[in-house]
Amino acid sequence: MEEAINAHRPPQVTFRCDGCGALAAGSFSRGGNWLKPQSWFERSDKDGAQLACSRACIDKVAKDSGKTGCVLPI
């Protein structure tokens, strides 16, 4: 099964944090899509998605975008 998934995997996708600009490789899902790094945070709305690599970057993205920076507790 893993071989079948890897046979059709598109090139690696890199995600960029909207807070600090950090880059990280995405995770390939079994559904055939690239997903943000698992430990990153994402908020999507009518303006698109905002990505943050840490809670500190969530605050920076919120301040820069004028949006709320809420995060569910872990």
C-alpha atoms as a PDB file:
ATOM      1  CA  MET A   1       0.000   0.000   0.000  1.00  0.00           C
ATOM      2  CA  GLU A   2       2.784   2.448   0.940  1.00  0.00           C
ATOM      3  CA  GLU A   3       4.491   1.769  -2.410  1.00  0.00           C
ATOM      4  CA  ALA A   4       1.297   2.659  -4.295  1.00  0.00           C
ATOM      5  CA  ILE A   5       1.016   5.967  -2.414  1.00  0.00           C
ATOM      6  CA  ASN A   6       4.672   6.838  -3.015  1.00  0.00           C
ATOM      7  CA  ALA A   7       4.393   5.995  -6.727  1.00  0.00           C
ATOM      8  CA  HIS A   8       1.949   8.869  -7.267  1.00  0.00           C
ATOM      9  CA  ARG A   9       3.400  11.364  -4.806  1.00  0.00           C
ATOM     10  CA  PRO A  10       3.961  14.808  -6.339  1.00  0.00           C
ATOM     11  CA  PRO A  11       7.167  16.753  -5.594  1.00  0.00           C
ATOM     12  CA  GLN A  12       7.762  17.818  -1.976  1.00  0.00           C
ATOM     13  CA  VAL A  13       5.858  20.911  -0.852  1.00  0.00           C
ATOM     14  CA  THR A  14       7.395  23.470   1.513  1.00  0.00           C
ATOM     15  CA  PHE A  15       5.250  25.641   3.784  1.00  0.00           C
ATOM     16  CA  ARG A  16       6.239  29.133   5.001  1.00  0.00           C
ATOM     17  CA  CYS A  17       5.279  30.558   8.393  1.00  0.00           C
ATOM     18  CA  ASP A  18       3.435  33.866   8.008  1.00  0.00           C
ATOM     19  CA  GLY A  19       4.897  35.022  11.325  1.00  0.00           C
ATOM     20  CA  CYS A  20       8.656  34.487  11.107  1.00  0.00           C
ATOM     21  CA  GLY A  21       9.156  33.151   7.584  1.00  0.00           C
ATOM     22  CA  ALA A  22      10.426  29.734   8.724  1.00  0.00           C
ATOM     23  CA  LEU A  23      10.209  26.986   6.087  1.00  0.00           C
ATOM     24  CA  ALA A  24       9.226  23.362   6.705  1.00  0.00           C
ATOM     25  CA  ALA A  25       8.348  20.363   4.594  1.00  0.00           C
ATOM     26  CA  GLY A  26       4.717  19.368   4.404  1.00  0.00           C
ATOM     27  CA  SER A  27       3.283  15.951   5.218  1.00  0.00           C
ATOM     28  CA  PHE A  28       1.792  13.849   2.440  1.00  0.00           C
ATOM     29  CA  SER A  29      -1.644  12.510   3.349  1.00  0.00           C
ATOM     30  CA  ARG A  30      -3.101   9.179   2.328  1.00  0.00           C
ATOM     31  CA  GLY A  31      -5.792  11.207   0.557  1.00  0.00           C
ATOM     32  CA  GLY A  32      -3.158  12.428  -1.873  1.00  0.00           C
ATOM     33  CA  ASN A  33      -2.742  15.988  -0.579  1.00  0.00           C
ATOM     34  CA  TRP A  34       0.116  17.880   1.026  1.00  0.00           C
ATOM     35  CA  LEU A  35      -0.688  19.115   4.536  1.00  0.00           C
ATOM     36  CA  LYS A  36       1.022  21.750   6.682  1.00  0.00           C
ATOM     37  CA  PRO A  37       3.599  20.406   9.160  1.00  0.00           C
ATOM     38  CA  GLN A  38       1.696  18.610  11.916  1.00  0.00           C
ATOM     39  CA  SER A  39       2.949  20.838  14.748  1.00  0.00           C
ATOM     40  CA  TRP A  40       2.060  24.081  12.921  1.00  0.00           C
ATOM     41  CA  PHE A  41      -1.124  26.107  13.359  1.00  0.00           C
ATOM     42  CA  GLU A  42      -3.482  27.175  10.579  1.00  0.00           C
ATOM     43  CA  ARG A  43      -6.392  29.543  10.345  1.00  0.00           C
ATOM     44  CA  SER A  44      -8.445  29.777   7.173  1.00  0.00           C
ATOM     45  CA  ASP A  45     -11.060  32.345   6.298  1.00  0.00           C
ATOM     46  CA  LYS A  46     -12.320  34.254   3.254  1.00  0.00           C
ATOM     47  CA  ASP A  47      -8.851  35.843   2.899  1.00  0.00           C
ATOM     48  CA  GLY A  48      -7.159  32.448   2.643  1.00  0.00           C
ATOM     49  CA  ALA A  49      -5.002  30.501   5.083  1.00  0.00           C
ATOM     50  CA  GLN A  50      -2.600  31.948   7.621  1.00  0.00           C
ATOM     51  CA  LEU A  51       0.137  29.611   8.886  1.00  0.00           C
ATOM     52  CA  ALA A  52       2.118  29.881  12.113  1.00  0.00           C
ATOM     53  CA  CYS A  53       4.934  27.608  13.274  1.00  0.00           C
ATOM     54  CA  SER A  54       4.553  28.516  16.967  1.00  0.00           C
ATOM     55  CA  ARG A  55       2.238  30.217  19.418  1.00  0.00           C
ATOM     56  CA  ALA A  56       4.478  33.307  19.322  1.00  0.00           C
ATOM     57  CA  CYS A  57       4.003  33.473  15.556  1.00  0.00           C
ATOM     58  CA  ILE A  58       0.232  33.157  15.989  1.00  0.00           C
ATOM     59  CA  ASP A  59       0.329  36.449  17.894  1.00  0.00           C
ATOM     60  CA  LYS A  60       2.486  38.087  15.200  1.00  0.00           C
ATOM     61  CA  VAL A  61       0.218  36.877  12.382  1.00  0.00           C
ATOM     62  CA  ALA A  62      -2.855  38.084  14.298  1.00  0.00           C
ATOM     63  CA  LYS A  63      -1.310  41.512  14.855  1.00  0.00           C
ATOM     64  CA  ASP A  64      -0.150  41.849  11.238  1.00  0.00           C
ATOM     65  CA  SER A  65      -3.477  40.666   9.787  1.00  0.00           C
ATOM     66  CA  GLY A  66      -5.810  42.340  12.288  1.00  0.00           C
ATOM     67  CA  LYS A  67      -7.420  38.978  13.061  1.00  0.00           C
ATOM     68  CA  THR A  68      -7.853  37.198  16.376  1.00  0.00           C
ATOM     69  CA  GLY A  69      -5.035  34.956  17.539  1.00  0.00           C
ATOM     70  CA  CYS A  70      -7.005  32.377  19.482  1.00  0.00           C
ATOM     71  CA  VAL A  71      -5.715  28.805  19.805  1.00  0.00           C
ATOM     72  CA  LEU A  72      -7.329  25.825  21.447  1.00  0.00           C
ATOM     73  CA  PRO A  73      -5.363  24.579  24.476  1.00  0.00           C
ATOM     74  CA  ILE A  74      -3.256  21.467  24.068  1.00  0.00           C
END
